[in-house]
N, C-alpha and C. Protein backbone atom coordinates (compact mmCIF):
# COMPACT_ATOMS: atom_id res chain seq x y z
N SER A 1 -122.16 -139.64 -33.54
CA SER A 1 -122.87 -139.99 -32.46
C SER A 1 -123.49 -141.21 -32.22
N GLY A 2 -123.47 -142.22 -33.89
CA GLY A 2 -123.56 -143.31 -33.69
C GLY A 2 -125.11 -143.78 -34.45
N TYR A 3 -125.86 -142.75 -34.58
CA TYR A 3 -127.43 -142.65 -35.34
C TYR A 3 -127.08 -143.28 -36.46
N LEU A 4 -126.20 -142.82 -37.36
CA LEU A 4 -126.27 -143.55 -38.76
C LEU A 4 -126.15 -144.60 -38.71
N LEU A 5 -124.99 -145.14 -38.03
CA LEU A 5 -124.74 -146.52 -38.21
C LEU A 5 -125.89 -147.54 -37.59
N ILE A 6 -126.45 -147.03 -36.44
CA ILE A 6 -127.69 -147.92 -36.02
C ILE A 6 -128.79 -147.99 -37.40
N ILE A 7 -129.01 -146.68 -37.99
CA ILE A 7 -129.93 -146.66 -39.47
C ILE A 7 -129.24 -147.60 -40.44
N HIS A 8 -127.87 -147.48 -40.57
CA HIS A 8 -127.06 -148.57 -41.71
C HIS A 8 -127.53 -149.90 -41.20
N VAL A 9 -127.61 -150.26 -39.88
CA VAL A 9 -127.59 -151.99 -39.20
C VAL A 9 -128.88 -151.88 -39.75
N GLY A 10 -129.90 -151.16 -39.20
CA GLY A 10 -131.29 -151.65 -39.46
C GLY A 10 -131.92 -151.76 -40.51
N LEU A 11 -131.39 -151.18 -41.57
CA LEU A 11 -131.84 -151.26 -42.86
C LEU A 11 -131.04 -152.10 -43.87
N GLY A 12 -130.28 -152.92 -43.21
CA GLY A 12 -129.19 -153.98 -43.57
C GLY A 12 -130.14 -155.09 -44.03
N GLY A 13 -130.88 -155.47 -42.92
CA GLY A 13 -131.99 -156.46 -43.22
C GLY A 13 -132.95 -156.44 -44.30
N THR A 14 -133.58 -155.22 -44.21
CA THR A 14 -134.54 -155.11 -45.28
C THR A 14 -133.78 -154.81 -46.76
N PHE A 15 -132.58 -154.37 -46.77
CA PHE A 15 -131.87 -154.44 -48.07
C PHE A 15 -131.54 -155.92 -48.55
N ILE A 16 -131.20 -156.59 -47.75
CA ILE A 16 -131.14 -158.01 -48.08
C ILE A 16 -132.43 -158.75 -48.78
N GLY A 17 -133.36 -158.56 -47.90
CA GLY A 17 -134.72 -159.29 -47.89
C GLY A 17 -135.17 -158.39 -49.53
N ALA A 18 -135.02 -157.35 -49.73
CA ALA A 18 -135.23 -156.61 -50.91
C ALA A 18 -134.21 -157.17 -52.33
N MET A 19 -133.41 -157.16 -52.18
CA MET A 19 -132.41 -157.66 -53.17
C MET A 19 -132.64 -159.41 -53.09
N THR A 20 -133.17 -160.18 -52.59
CA THR A 20 -133.61 -161.23 -52.57
C THR A 20 -134.77 -161.41 -53.54
N VAL A 21 -135.82 -160.67 -53.04
CA VAL A 21 -136.90 -160.76 -53.99
C VAL A 21 -136.61 -160.01 -55.23
N PHE A 22 -135.75 -158.98 -55.15
CA PHE A 22 -135.34 -158.56 -56.48
C PHE A 22 -134.92 -159.09 -57.58
N SER A 23 -133.87 -160.26 -56.89
CA SER A 23 -133.02 -160.95 -57.59
C SER A 23 -133.77 -162.06 -58.26
N VAL A 24 -134.66 -162.70 -57.50
CA VAL A 24 -135.71 -163.96 -57.86
C VAL A 24 -136.40 -163.43 -59.19
N THR A 25 -137.20 -162.04 -58.73
CA THR A 25 -138.02 -161.57 -59.57
C THR A 25 -137.77 -161.35 -61.10
N TRP A 26 -136.42 -160.38 -60.93
CA TRP A 26 -135.74 -160.16 -62.40
C TRP A 26 -134.71 -161.33 -63.09
N ALA A 27 -134.49 -162.20 -62.07
CA ALA A 27 -133.40 -163.10 -62.89
C ALA A 27 -133.88 -163.88 -64.23
N SER A 28 -135.03 -164.39 -64.53
CA SER A 28 -135.60 -164.67 -65.77
C SER A 28 -135.31 -163.75 -66.67
N ASP A 29 -135.60 -162.25 -66.67
CA ASP A 29 -135.22 -161.63 -67.53
C ASP A 29 -133.87 -161.08 -68.29
N HIS A 30 -133.00 -161.38 -67.03
CA HIS A 30 -131.53 -161.21 -67.35
C HIS A 30 -130.76 -162.42 -67.63
N TRP A 31 -131.69 -163.46 -68.15
CA TRP A 31 -130.85 -164.66 -68.26
C TRP A 31 -129.67 -164.54 -69.39
N ASP A 32 -130.85 -164.17 -70.23
CA ASP A 32 -130.56 -164.37 -71.71
C ASP A 32 -131.20 -162.96 -72.76
N LEU A 33 -130.33 -161.70 -72.45
CA LEU A 33 -130.45 -160.56 -73.26
C LEU A 33 -129.67 -160.59 -74.49
N PRO A 34 -130.17 -161.09 -75.49
CA PRO A 34 -129.46 -160.70 -76.65
C PRO A 34 -129.01 -159.18 -77.06
N GLY A 35 -127.96 -158.69 -77.25
CA GLY A 35 -127.83 -157.22 -77.28
C GLY A 35 -127.56 -156.31 -76.07
N ARG A 36 -128.07 -156.63 -75.17
CA ARG A 36 -128.20 -155.73 -74.06
C ARG A 36 -127.19 -156.43 -72.69
N TRP A 37 -125.81 -156.48 -73.51
CA TRP A 37 -124.81 -157.32 -72.43
C TRP A 37 -124.32 -156.55 -71.37
N VAL A 38 -124.38 -154.89 -71.43
CA VAL A 38 -124.16 -154.02 -70.50
C VAL A 38 -125.44 -154.41 -69.17
N ARG A 39 -126.27 -154.15 -69.41
CA ARG A 39 -127.48 -154.30 -68.58
C ARG A 39 -127.56 -155.80 -67.88
N LYS A 40 -127.13 -156.85 -68.98
CA LYS A 40 -127.21 -158.03 -68.21
C LYS A 40 -126.16 -158.33 -67.03
N ALA A 41 -124.68 -157.87 -67.50
CA ALA A 41 -123.65 -157.70 -66.72
C ALA A 41 -123.76 -156.60 -65.40
N ALA A 42 -124.66 -155.83 -65.59
CA ALA A 42 -124.83 -155.11 -64.24
C ALA A 42 -125.62 -155.77 -63.41
N PHE A 43 -126.48 -156.23 -63.63
CA PHE A 43 -127.54 -157.00 -63.23
C PHE A 43 -126.69 -157.91 -62.24
N TRP A 44 -126.17 -158.94 -62.98
CA TRP A 44 -125.51 -160.14 -62.45
C TRP A 44 -124.48 -159.67 -61.30
N LEU A 45 -123.62 -158.36 -61.64
CA LEU A 45 -122.62 -158.19 -60.97
C LEU A 45 -123.23 -157.66 -59.54
N MET A 46 -124.37 -156.87 -59.74
CA MET A 46 -125.10 -156.30 -58.41
C MET A 46 -125.50 -157.44 -57.61
N VAL A 47 -126.18 -158.43 -57.99
CA VAL A 47 -126.33 -159.28 -57.55
C VAL A 47 -125.31 -160.38 -56.88
N ILE A 48 -124.31 -160.43 -57.60
CA ILE A 48 -123.01 -161.23 -56.87
C ILE A 48 -122.47 -160.19 -55.84
N ALA A 49 -122.27 -159.10 -55.87
CA ALA A 49 -121.72 -158.06 -55.07
C ALA A 49 -122.55 -158.10 -53.69
N VAL A 50 -123.83 -158.79 -53.59
CA VAL A 50 -124.48 -158.59 -52.34
C VAL A 50 -123.94 -160.01 -51.27
N ILE A 51 -123.34 -160.97 -52.24
CA ILE A 51 -123.25 -162.25 -51.34
C ILE A 51 -122.04 -161.77 -50.78
N PRO A 52 -120.81 -161.29 -50.62
CA PRO A 52 -119.62 -161.05 -50.09
C PRO A 52 -120.17 -159.68 -49.17
N MET A 53 -120.82 -158.75 -49.27
CA MET A 53 -121.27 -157.86 -48.50
C MET A 53 -122.02 -158.49 -47.60
N THR A 54 -122.86 -159.41 -47.39
CA THR A 54 -123.81 -160.19 -46.44
C THR A 54 -122.80 -160.88 -45.77
N LEU A 55 -122.10 -161.53 -46.52
CA LEU A 55 -121.06 -162.42 -45.57
C LEU A 55 -120.01 -161.84 -44.99
N ALA A 56 -119.55 -160.44 -45.14
CA ALA A 56 -118.87 -159.85 -44.28
C ALA A 56 -119.18 -159.33 -43.07
N VAL A 57 -120.73 -159.06 -43.41
CA VAL A 57 -121.33 -158.40 -41.70
C VAL A 57 -121.54 -159.82 -41.02
N LEU A 58 -122.11 -160.93 -41.65
CA LEU A 58 -122.40 -162.10 -40.53
C LEU A 58 -121.15 -162.55 -40.19
N LEU A 59 -120.26 -162.49 -40.88
CA LEU A 59 -118.75 -163.07 -40.41
C LEU A 59 -118.02 -162.02 -39.18
N ASN A 60 -118.20 -161.03 -39.27
CA ASN A 60 -117.82 -160.34 -38.00
C ASN A 60 -118.49 -160.20 -36.89
N MET A 61 -119.96 -160.88 -37.01
CA MET A 61 -120.70 -160.67 -35.53
C MET A 61 -120.25 -162.14 -34.86
N PHE A 62 -119.38 -163.12 -35.42
CA PHE A 62 -118.68 -163.95 -34.67
C PHE A 62 -117.35 -163.88 -34.26
N PRO A 63 -116.99 -164.21 -33.17
CA PRO A 63 -115.31 -164.17 -32.80
C PRO A 63 -114.25 -165.20 -33.72
N LEU A 64 -114.43 -165.05 -35.07
CA LEU A 64 -113.72 -165.92 -35.67
C LEU A 64 -112.26 -165.19 -36.25
N PHE A 65 -112.15 -163.92 -36.23
CA PHE A 65 -111.04 -163.07 -36.88
C PHE A 65 -110.51 -162.14 -35.65
N GLY A 66 -109.20 -162.10 -35.98
CA GLY A 66 -108.77 -161.00 -34.99
C GLY A 66 -108.79 -159.62 -35.17
N THR A 67 -108.56 -158.70 -34.58
CA THR A 67 -108.57 -157.14 -34.75
C THR A 67 -108.46 -156.86 -36.51
N GLU A 68 -107.24 -157.54 -36.89
CA GLU A 68 -106.64 -156.93 -38.17
C GLU A 68 -107.56 -157.49 -39.36
N TRP A 69 -108.16 -158.72 -39.31
CA TRP A 69 -108.79 -159.30 -39.89
C TRP A 69 -110.40 -158.99 -40.26
N GLN A 70 -110.81 -158.48 -38.99
CA GLN A 70 -111.90 -157.70 -38.72
C GLN A 70 -112.07 -156.49 -39.94
N ASP A 71 -110.78 -155.72 -39.67
CA ASP A 71 -110.65 -154.74 -40.59
C ASP A 71 -110.94 -155.03 -42.24
N TYR A 72 -110.04 -155.96 -42.20
CA TYR A 72 -110.15 -156.71 -43.86
C TYR A 72 -111.60 -156.89 -44.26
N VAL A 73 -112.18 -157.58 -43.10
CA VAL A 73 -113.68 -157.99 -43.66
C VAL A 73 -114.44 -156.77 -43.88
N VAL A 74 -114.16 -155.34 -43.05
CA VAL A 74 -115.15 -154.53 -42.85
C VAL A 74 -114.57 -153.80 -44.45
N GLU A 75 -113.12 -153.77 -44.94
CA GLU A 75 -112.99 -153.40 -46.27
C GLU A 75 -113.79 -154.27 -47.24
N ILE A 76 -114.09 -155.43 -47.40
CA ILE A 76 -114.58 -156.34 -47.99
C ILE A 76 -115.91 -155.72 -48.24
N HIS A 77 -116.80 -155.70 -47.16
CA HIS A 77 -117.99 -155.10 -47.14
C HIS A 77 -118.09 -153.77 -47.82
N ARG A 78 -117.28 -152.91 -47.67
CA ARG A 78 -117.16 -151.54 -48.24
C ARG A 78 -117.11 -151.58 -49.55
N TYR A 79 -116.29 -152.56 -50.42
CA TYR A 79 -116.09 -152.19 -51.60
C TYR A 79 -116.94 -153.20 -52.43
N SER A 80 -117.66 -154.22 -51.89
CA SER A 80 -118.74 -154.65 -52.36
C SER A 80 -119.88 -154.27 -52.36
N GLY A 81 -120.30 -152.93 -51.31
CA GLY A 81 -121.20 -152.14 -51.39
C GLY A 81 -121.20 -151.28 -52.33
N LEU A 82 -119.95 -150.98 -52.63
CA LEU A 82 -119.42 -150.01 -53.80
C LEU A 82 -119.94 -150.23 -54.63
N THR A 83 -119.48 -151.56 -55.17
CA THR A 83 -119.55 -152.31 -56.39
C THR A 83 -121.06 -152.46 -56.61
N CYS A 84 -121.90 -153.06 -55.65
CA CYS A 84 -123.35 -153.14 -56.07
C CYS A 84 -123.91 -151.86 -56.38
N THR A 85 -123.62 -150.73 -55.40
CA THR A 85 -124.34 -149.52 -55.87
C THR A 85 -123.93 -148.91 -57.20
N ILE A 86 -122.56 -149.21 -57.71
CA ILE A 86 -122.56 -148.66 -59.01
C ILE A 86 -123.32 -149.56 -60.06
N CYS A 87 -123.21 -150.80 -59.92
CA CYS A 87 -123.72 -151.88 -60.82
C CYS A 87 -125.21 -151.47 -60.63
N GLY A 88 -125.84 -151.04 -59.66
CA GLY A 88 -127.37 -150.63 -59.41
C GLY A 88 -127.66 -149.52 -60.04
N LEU A 89 -126.65 -148.61 -60.18
CA LEU A 89 -127.05 -147.22 -60.85
C LEU A 89 -126.96 -147.50 -62.37
N ILE A 90 -126.17 -148.44 -62.88
CA ILE A 90 -125.83 -148.46 -64.17
C ILE A 90 -127.18 -149.20 -64.89
N TRP A 91 -127.27 -150.31 -63.98
CA TRP A 91 -128.63 -151.08 -64.43
C TRP A 91 -129.99 -150.48 -64.40
N GLY A 92 -130.31 -149.50 -63.56
CA GLY A 92 -131.56 -148.70 -63.58
C GLY A 92 -131.43 -147.72 -64.18
N TYR A 93 -130.37 -147.00 -64.81
CA TYR A 93 -130.36 -146.32 -65.62
C TYR A 93 -130.70 -146.82 -67.53
N LEU A 94 -129.90 -148.19 -67.48
CA LEU A 94 -130.16 -148.86 -68.73
C LEU A 94 -131.47 -149.48 -68.56
N ALA A 95 -132.25 -149.67 -67.67
CA ALA A 95 -133.48 -150.39 -67.39
C ALA A 95 -134.45 -149.14 -68.02
N VAL A 96 -134.41 -147.96 -67.55
CA VAL A 96 -135.26 -146.76 -67.35
C VAL A 96 -135.35 -146.31 -68.68
N ARG A 97 -133.99 -146.15 -69.32
CA ARG A 97 -134.11 -145.41 -70.59
C ARG A 97 -134.13 -146.42 -71.76
N ARG A 98 -134.38 -147.72 -71.47
CA ARG A 98 -134.24 -148.80 -72.30
C ARG A 98 -133.29 -148.74 -73.31
N VAL A 99 -132.27 -148.48 -72.88
CA VAL A 99 -130.90 -148.43 -73.58
C VAL A 99 -130.73 -149.86 -74.11
N ASN A 100 -130.37 -150.20 -75.46
CA ASN A 100 -129.71 -151.33 -75.91
C ASN A 100 -128.25 -151.44 -75.80
N MET A 101 -127.90 -151.72 -74.58
CA MET A 101 -126.42 -152.01 -74.42
C MET A 101 -126.15 -153.42 -73.95
């Protein structure tokens, strides 16, 4: 009925704001972690995946692309969101468990 889409779009701006604060706050802790390369890689991949996820949404708001390209941009949004989620889960697990990986 569209309610989930409205919630998804409504929380998107909050997510981008939270990821900006999160990235700036934790970046210095993940710049050079000797022995914790998996946690560092998960953090930076999560931060980098937010960029195409955000740009895909913003580019779809303007009439720059045809219908076929809009479908492609939606796929970019989908897979960068999946990457961000997987990397966030890995980072969260390693941060909470304090695993040296």
